[in-house]
C-alpha atoms as a PDB file:
ATOM      1  CA  UNK A   1       0.000   0.000   0.000  1.00  0.00           C
ATOM      2  CA  UNK A   2       2.815   2.370   0.892  1.00  0.00           C
ATOM      3  CA  UNK A   3       4.637   1.477  -2.312  1.00  0.00           C
ATOM      4  CA  UNK A   4       1.565   2.192  -4.408  1.00  0.00           C
ATOM      5  CA  UNK A   5       1.057   5.602  -2.798  1.00  0.00           C
ATOM      6  CA  UNK A   6       4.670   6.574  -3.338  1.00  0.00           C
ATOM      7  CA  UNK A   7       4.489   5.499  -6.986  1.00  0.00           C
ATOM      8  CA  UNK A   8       1.395   7.659  -7.500  1.00  0.00           C
ATOM      9  CA  UNK A   9       3.153  10.566  -5.839  1.00  0.00           C
ATOM     10  CA  UNK A  10       6.211  10.156  -8.086  1.00  0.00           C
ATOM     11  CA  UNK A  11       4.025  10.055 -11.174  1.00  0.00           C
ATOM     12  CA  UNK A  12       2.269  13.188 -10.004  1.00  0.00           C
ATOM     13  CA  UNK A  13       5.555  15.028  -9.411  1.00  0.00           C
ATOM     14  CA  UNK A  14       7.060  13.938 -12.713  1.00  0.00           C
ATOM     15  CA  UNK A  15       3.994  14.974 -14.628  1.00  0.00           C
ATOM     16  CA  UNK A  16       4.130  18.400 -12.992  1.00  0.00           C
ATOM     17  CA  UNK A  17       7.773  18.848 -13.986  1.00  0.00           C
ATOM     18  CA  UNK A  18       6.934  17.891 -17.571  1.00  0.00           C
ATOM     19  CA  UNK A  19       4.133  20.440 -17.597  1.00  0.00           C
ATOM     20  CA  UNK A  20       6.512  23.112 -16.265  1.00  0.00           C
ATOM     21  CA  UNK A  21       9.028  22.304 -18.996  1.00  0.00           C
ATOM     22  CA  UNK A  22       6.315  22.523 -21.614  1.00  0.00           C
ATOM     23  CA  UNK A  23       5.054  25.799 -20.159  1.00  0.00           C
ATOM     24  CA  UNK A  24       8.522  27.484 -20.452  1.00  0.00           C
ATOM     25  CA  UNK A  25       8.630  30.025 -23.206  1.00  0.00           C
ATOM     26  CA  UNK A  26      11.604  30.024 -25.566  1.00  0.00           C
ATOM     27  CA  UNK A  27      14.060  32.857 -24.965  1.00  0.00           C
ATOM     28  CA  UNK A  28      13.797  35.874 -27.214  1.00  0.00           C
ATOM     29  CA  UNK A  29      16.865  36.851 -29.292  1.00  0.00           C
ATOM     30  CA  UNK A  30      17.536  39.730 -26.861  1.00  0.00           C
ATOM     31  CA  UNK A  31      17.355  37.383 -23.859  1.00  0.00           C
ATOM     32  CA  UNK A  32      19.655  34.887 -25.569  1.00  0.00           C
ATOM     33  CA  UNK A  33      22.130  37.701 -26.286  1.00  0.00           C
ATOM     34  CA  UNK A  34      22.065  38.782 -22.619  1.00  0.00           C
ATOM     35  CA  UNK A  35      22.592  35.199 -21.499  1.00  0.00           C
ATOM     36  CA  UNK A  36      25.578  34.747 -23.829  1.00  0.00           C
ATOM     37  CA  UNK A  37      27.024  38.090 -22.673  1.00  0.00           C
ATOM     38  CA  UNK A  38      26.686  37.016 -19.042  1.00  0.00           C
ATOM     39  CA  UNK A  39      28.441  33.709 -19.776  1.00  0.00           C
ATOM     40  CA  UNK A  40      31.249  35.551 -21.566  1.00  0.00           C
ATOM     41  CA  UNK A  41      31.691  37.915 -18.613  1.00  0.00           C
ATOM     42  CA  UNK A  42      31.863  34.960 -16.213  1.00  0.00           C
ATOM     43  CA  UNK A  43      34.505  33.267 -18.399  1.00  0.00           C
ATOM     44  CA  UNK A  44      36.476  36.535 -18.600  1.00  0.00           C
ATOM     45  CA  UNK A  45      36.399  36.953 -14.823  1.00  0.00           C
ATOM     46  CA  UNK A  46      37.602  33.375 -14.400  1.00  0.00           C
ATOM     47  CA  UNK A  47      40.447  33.954 -16.871  1.00  0.00           C
ATOM     48  CA  UNK A  48      41.477  37.186 -15.104  1.00  0.00           C
ATOM     49  CA  UNK A  49      41.455  35.390 -11.742  1.00  0.00           C
ATOM     50  CA  UNK A  50      43.611  32.560 -13.153  1.00  0.00           C
ATOM     51  CA  UNK A  51      46.082  35.015 -14.700  1.00  0.00           C
ATOM     52  CA  UNK A  52      46.227  37.071 -11.483  1.00  0.00           C
ATOM     53  CA  UNK A  53      46.866  33.937  -9.455  1.00  0.00           C
ATOM     54  CA  UNK A  54      49.640  32.896 -11.846  1.00  0.00           C
ATOM     55  CA  UNK A  55      51.288  36.336 -11.643  1.00  0.00           C
ATOM     56  CA  UNK A  56      51.057  36.264  -7.837  1.00  0.00           C
ATOM     57  CA  UNK A  57      52.695  32.830  -7.706  1.00  0.00           C
ATOM     58  CA  UNK A  58      55.434  33.969 -10.118  1.00  0.00           C
ATOM     59  CA  UNK A  59      56.225  37.094  -8.099  1.00  0.00           C
ATOM     60  CA  UNK A  60      56.208  35.059  -4.885  1.00  0.00           C
ATOM     61  CA  UNK A  61      58.760  32.644  -6.357  1.00  0.00           C
ATOM     62  CA  UNK A  62      60.927  35.513  -7.631  1.00  0.00           C
ATOM     63  CA  UNK A  63      60.713  37.154  -4.208  1.00  0.00           C
ATOM     64  CA  UNK A  64      61.790  33.969  -2.432  1.00  0.00           C
ATOM     65  CA  UNK A  65      64.632  33.366  -4.894  1.00  0.00           C
ATOM     66  CA  UNK A  66      65.969  36.945  -4.781  1.00  0.00           C
ATOM     67  CA  UNK A  67      65.485  37.910  -1.145  1.00  0.00           C
ATOM     68  CA  UNK A  68      67.660  36.912   1.798  1.00  0.00           C
ATOM     69  CA  UNK A  69      67.188  37.679   5.472  1.00  0.00           C
ATOM     70  CA  UNK A  70      69.999  38.760   7.804  1.00  0.00           C
ATOM     71  CA  UNK A  71      70.347  40.306  11.208  1.00  0.00           C
ATOM     72  CA  UNK A  72      72.973  42.840  12.232  1.00  0.00           C
ATOM     73  CA  UNK A  73      75.652  41.455  14.529  1.00  0.00           C
ATOM     74  CA  UNK A  74      77.772  44.302  15.828  1.00  0.00           C
ATOM     75  CA  UNK A  75      77.973  48.084  15.739  1.00  0.00           C
ATOM     76  CA  UNK A  76      79.893  48.786  12.524  1.00  0.00           C
ATOM     77  CA  UNK A  77      76.858  50.357  10.800  1.00  0.00           C
ATOM     78  CA  UNK A  78      75.670  52.498  13.693  1.00  0.00           C
ATOM     79  CA  UNK A  79      73.817  54.807  13.837  1.00  0.00           C
ATOM     80  CA  UNK A  80      72.156  53.728  10.564  1.00  0.00           C
ATOM     81  CA  UNK A  81      71.699  50.124  11.696  1.00  0.00           C
ATOM     82  CA  UNK A  82      71.638  48.870  15.256  1.00  0.00           C
ATOM     83  CA  UNK A  83      72.824  45.552  16.666  1.00  0.00           C
ATOM     84  CA  UNK A  84      70.161  42.815  16.163  1.00  0.00           C
ATOM     85  CA  UNK A  85      68.231  44.746  13.492  1.00  0.00           C
ATOM     86  CA  UNK A  86      66.653  42.261  11.054  1.00  0.00           C
ATOM     87  CA  UNK A  87      66.982  42.999   7.356  1.00  0.00           C
ATOM     88  CA  UNK A  88      65.737  41.915   3.943  1.00  0.00           C
ATOM     89  CA  UNK A  89      68.508  41.831   1.319  1.00  0.00           C
ATOM     90  CA  UNK A  90      67.702  41.951  -2.412  1.00  0.00           C
ATOM     91  CA  UNK A  91      70.125  39.748  -4.341  1.00  0.00           C
ATOM     92  CA  UNK A  92      71.725  41.769  -7.127  1.00  0.00           C
ATOM     93  CA  UNK A  93      75.086  42.756  -8.544  1.00  0.00           C
ATOM     94  CA  UNK A  94      73.812  46.124  -9.762  1.00  0.00           C
ATOM     95  CA  UNK A  95      75.400  48.295  -7.093  1.00  0.00           C
ATOM     96  CA  UNK A  96      74.844  52.022  -6.571  1.00  0.00           C
ATOM     97  CA  UNK A  97      77.108  54.528  -4.860  1.00  0.00           C
ATOM     98  CA  UNK A  98      76.374  54.748  -1.119  1.00  0.00           C
ATOM     99  CA  UNK A  99      74.177  51.634  -1.248  1.00  0.00           C
ATOM    100  CA  UNK A 100      74.283  49.391   1.827  1.00  0.00           C
ATOM    101  CA  UNK A 101      75.365  45.905   0.750  1.00  0.00           C
ATOM    102  CA  UNK A 102      76.068  42.499   2.230  1.00  0.00           C
ATOM    103  CA  UNK A 103      79.289  40.789   1.194  1.00  0.00           C
ATOM    104  CA  UNK A 104      81.396  37.732   1.904  1.00  0.00           C
ATOM    105  CA  UNK A 105      84.896  38.649   3.109  1.00  0.00           C
ATOM    106  CA  UNK A 106      87.825  36.835   1.531  1.00  0.00           C
ATOM    107  CA  UNK A 107      88.894  33.644   3.314  1.00  0.00           C
ATOM    108  CA  UNK A 108      85.764  33.778   5.516  1.00  0.00           C
ATOM    109  CA  UNK A 109      83.078  31.970   3.477  1.00  0.00           C
ATOM    110  CA  UNK A 110      80.821  31.410   6.476  1.00  0.00           C
ATOM    111  CA  UNK A 111      80.657  35.091   7.446  1.00  0.00           C
ATOM    112  CA  UNK A 112      78.702  37.998   5.975  1.00  0.00           C
ATOM    113  CA  UNK A 113      79.519  41.694   6.388  1.00  0.00           C
ATOM    114  CA  UNK A 114      77.213  44.641   5.863  1.00  0.00           C
ATOM    115  CA  UNK A 115      78.849  47.870   4.645  1.00  0.00           C
ATOM    116  CA  UNK A 116      78.223  51.001   2.596  1.00  0.00           C
ATOM    117  CA  UNK A 117      79.681  51.459  -0.892  1.00  0.00           C
ATOM    118  CA  UNK A 118      81.993  54.488  -0.919  1.00  0.00           C
ATOM    119  CA  UNK A 119      84.147  53.909  -4.004  1.00  0.00           C
ATOM    120  CA  UNK A 120      82.916  52.637  -7.377  1.00  0.00           C
ATOM    121  CA  UNK A 121      84.667  51.221 -10.447  1.00  0.00           C
ATOM    122  CA  UNK A 122      86.291  54.059 -12.374  1.00  0.00           C
ATOM    123  CA  UNK A 123      86.702  56.406  -9.404  1.00  0.00           C
ATOM    124  CA  UNK A 124      90.053  58.220  -9.417  1.00  0.00           C
ATOM    125  CA  UNK A 125      92.291  57.253  -6.477  1.00  0.00           C
ATOM    126  CA  UNK A 126      95.680  58.359  -5.204  1.00  0.00           C
ATOM    127  CA  UNK A 127      97.797  57.850  -2.089  1.00  0.00           C
ATOM    128  CA  UNK A 128      99.590  60.338   0.099  1.00  0.00           C
ATOM    129  CA  UNK A 129     101.350  59.564   3.390  1.00  0.00           C
ATOM    130  CA  UNK A 130      99.237  56.505   4.187  1.00  0.00           C
ATOM    131  CA  UNK A 131      95.963  58.130   3.215  1.00  0.00           C
ATOM    132  CA  UNK A 132      93.766  57.121   0.292  1.00  0.00           C
ATOM    133  CA  UNK A 133      91.915  59.758  -1.721  1.00  0.00           C
ATOM    134  CA  UNK A 134      88.834  58.799  -3.752  1.00  0.00           C
ATOM    135  CA  UNK A 135      87.083  61.098  -6.217  1.00  0.00           C
ATOM    136  CA  UNK A 136      84.359  60.260  -8.759  1.00  0.00           C
ATOM    137  CA  UNK A 137      84.027  63.797 -10.158  1.00  0.00           C
ATOM    138  CA  UNK A 138      87.419  64.127 -11.826  1.00  0.00           C
ATOM    139  CA  UNK A 139      89.057  62.227 -14.683  1.00  0.00           C
ATOM    140  CA  UNK A 140      92.579  61.913 -13.278  1.00  0.00           C
ATOM    141  CA  UNK A 141      94.656  62.675 -10.215  1.00  0.00           C
ATOM    142  CA  UNK A 142      95.398  66.407  -9.848  1.00  0.00           C
ATOM    143  CA  UNK A 143      98.955  67.207 -10.932  1.00  0.00           C
ATOM    144  CA  UNK A 144      99.479  69.620  -8.042  1.00  0.00           C
ATOM    145  CA  UNK A 145      97.513  70.326  -4.913  1.00  0.00           C
ATOM    146  CA  UNK A 146      97.904  73.134  -2.462  1.00  0.00           C
ATOM    147  CA  UNK A 147      98.103  71.912   1.091  1.00  0.00           C
ATOM    148  CA  UNK A 148      94.648  71.593   2.638  1.00  0.00           C
ATOM    149  CA  UNK A 149      92.895  71.945  -0.719  1.00  0.00           C
ATOM    150  CA  UNK A 150      91.254  69.001  -2.454  1.00  0.00           C
ATOM    151  CA  UNK A 151      88.998  68.756  -5.528  1.00  0.00           C
ATOM    152  CA  UNK A 152      85.270  68.807  -4.791  1.00  0.00           C
ATOM    153  CA  UNK A 153      83.875  65.389  -3.950  1.00  0.00           C
ATOM    154  CA  UNK A 154      87.151  63.974  -2.633  1.00  0.00           C
ATOM    155  CA  UNK A 155      86.974  61.429   0.191  1.00  0.00           C
ATOM    156  CA  UNK A 156      90.057  60.946   2.358  1.00  0.00           C
ATOM    157  CA  UNK A 157      90.545  57.768   4.409  1.00  0.00           C
ATOM    158  CA  UNK A 158      93.442  56.309   6.331  1.00  0.00           C
ATOM    159  CA  UNK A 159      94.196  52.755   5.178  1.00  0.00           C
ATOM    160  CA  UNK A 160      96.237  49.762   6.266  1.00  0.00           C
ATOM    161  CA  UNK A 161      99.831  49.579   4.854  1.00  0.00           C
ATOM    162  CA  UNK A 162      99.012  46.305   3.074  1.00  0.00           C
ATOM    163  CA  UNK A 163      96.019  47.905   1.356  1.00  0.00           C
ATOM    164  CA  UNK A 164      98.233  50.871   0.465  1.00  0.00           C
ATOM    165  CA  UNK A 165     100.657  48.489  -1.252  1.00  0.00           C
ATOM    166  CA  UNK A 166      97.773  46.851  -3.125  1.00  0.00           C
ATOM    167  CA  UNK A 167      96.529  50.190  -4.451  1.00  0.00           C
ATOM    168  CA  UNK A 168      99.863  51.916  -4.995  1.00  0.00           C
ATOM    169  CA  UNK A 169     100.042  51.143  -8.719  1.00  0.00           C
ATOM    170  CA  UNK A 170      96.403  52.009  -9.444  1.00  0.00           C
ATOM    171  CA  UNK A 171      95.046  55.343 -10.669  1.00  0.00           C
ATOM    172  CA  UNK A 172      91.408  54.270 -10.639  1.00  0.00           C
ATOM    173  CA  UNK A 173      89.319  51.649  -8.884  1.00  0.00           C
ATOM    174  CA  UNK A 174      89.332  48.708 -11.347  1.00  0.00           C
ATOM    175  CA  UNK A 175      86.207  47.377 -13.057  1.00  0.00           C
ATOM    176  CA  UNK A 176      84.053  45.136 -10.846  1.00  0.00           C
ATOM    177  CA  UNK A 177      85.678  46.380  -7.623  1.00  0.00           C
ATOM    178  CA  UNK A 178      84.312  48.538  -4.798  1.00  0.00           C
ATOM    179  CA  UNK A 179      85.609  50.335  -1.732  1.00  0.00           C
ATOM    180  CA  UNK A 180      83.264  49.783   1.233  1.00  0.00           C
ATOM    181  CA  UNK A 181      83.127  51.193   4.755  1.00  0.00           C
ATOM    182  CA  UNK A 182      80.969  50.913   7.837  1.00  0.00           C
ATOM    183  CA  UNK A 183      79.029  53.998   8.903  1.00  0.00           C
ATOM    184  CA  UNK A 184      80.624  53.697  12.341  1.00  0.00           C
ATOM    185  CA  UNK A 185      84.077  54.707  11.072  1.00  0.00           C
ATOM    186  CA  UNK A 186      85.786  54.179  14.421  1.00  0.00           C
ATOM    187  CA  UNK A 187      84.528  50.629  14.856  1.00  0.00           C
ATOM    188  CA  UNK A 188      84.352  48.931  11.476  1.00  0.00           C
ATOM    189  CA  UNK A 189      86.387  46.287   9.699  1.00  0.00           C
ATOM    190  CA  UNK A 190      86.140  47.322   6.055  1.00  0.00           C
ATOM    191  CA  UNK A 191      88.089  48.164   2.884  1.00  0.00           C
ATOM    192  CA  UNK A 192      90.487  50.320   4.875  1.00  0.00           C
ATOM    193  CA  UNK A 193      91.742  47.054   6.358  1.00  0.00           C
ATOM    194  CA  UNK A 194      90.976  44.316   3.795  1.00  0.00           C
ATOM    195  CA  UNK A 195      91.103  46.285   0.548  1.00  0.00           C
ATOM    196  CA  UNK A 196      88.779  46.425  -2.441  1.00  0.00           C
ATOM    197  CA  UNK A 197      85.795  44.107  -2.739  1.00  0.00           C
ATOM    198  CA  UNK A 198      85.065  42.195  -5.926  1.00  0.00           C
ATOM    199  CA  UNK A 199      81.478  42.220  -7.200  1.00  0.00           C
ATOM    200  CA  UNK A 200      81.372  38.420  -6.860  1.00  0.00           C
ATOM    201  CA  UNK A 201      81.746  38.844  -3.092  1.00  0.00           C
ATOM    202  CA  UNK A 202      78.631  41.027  -2.926  1.00  0.00           C
ATOM    203  CA  UNK A 203      75.408  39.205  -2.134  1.00  0.00           C
ATOM    204  CA  UNK A 204      72.981  42.089  -2.594  1.00  0.00           C
ATOM    205  CA  UNK A 205      71.616  45.450  -1.452  1.00  0.00           C
ATOM    206  CA  UNK A 206      69.657  46.270   1.646  1.00  0.00           C
ATOM    207  CA  UNK A 207      65.948  46.309   0.756  1.00  0.00           C
ATOM    208  CA  UNK A 208      64.401  47.164   4.123  1.00  0.00           C
ATOM    209  CA  UNK A 209      64.565  46.658   7.876  1.00  0.00           C
ATOM    210  CA  UNK A 210      61.636  44.621   9.207  1.00  0.00           C
ATOM    211  CA  UNK A 211      62.403  44.534  12.928  1.00  0.00           C
ATOM    212  CA  UNK A 212      62.237  46.220  15.325  1.00  0.00           C
ATOM    213  CA  UNK A 213      58.689  47.042  14.209  1.00  0.00           C
ATOM    214  CA  UNK A 214      58.959  50.708  15.211  1.00  0.00           C
ATOM    215  CA  UNK A 215      61.841  51.070  12.706  1.00  0.00           C
ATOM    216  CA  UNK A 216      60.224  49.055   9.903  1.00  0.00           C
ATOM    217  CA  UNK A 217      60.920  50.483   6.467  1.00  0.00           C
ATOM    218  CA  UNK A 218      63.550  51.449   3.928  1.00  0.00           C
ATOM    219  CA  UNK A 219      67.020  52.486   5.061  1.00  0.00           C
ATOM    220  CA  UNK A 220      69.259  55.011   3.334  1.00  0.00           C
END
């Protein structure tokens, strides 16, 4: 009895659905056009979302491949950077004057220094009484200088005797080499002691400081 009732009910429902289908009016050309336009818009949105997702994934991979994290250990870059500051370094060999860079010192492959670029390839250099003079605004060393007078843009630094010997025969900083120093001049192991840095030693440039949070941002 229950089975019979349920069968009648199913027949009744199915007949109603058939009637509904029959009662549906065919879409007008304008309605069909709107429907097609809506489908096209949905497909376009889906394509844009897929492309956006792909671009996001690509940039994320590039970010992970080209960014390194470091923290400052020491006071050689004070006051610009403090001990324990955490940094993001962008891996590149395109170095700008006065950029803050991380580099591997010679014979210390497990260490990483952070310094500022002071001298660039092509800068004119000369020595006088244990001091190194660097100038990027002139084409060659001045033939004569009055005491206490230097060409505009000249940087004077006292260097180690071994570095002085290394640079004695040079008139310019060679291609692919840089002179780097810590901002804390009185407490920094840098090019004054270990000489010029080859571009292959440079890991990258400082992108930003991310901790402490109150100092988050770009650093000059």
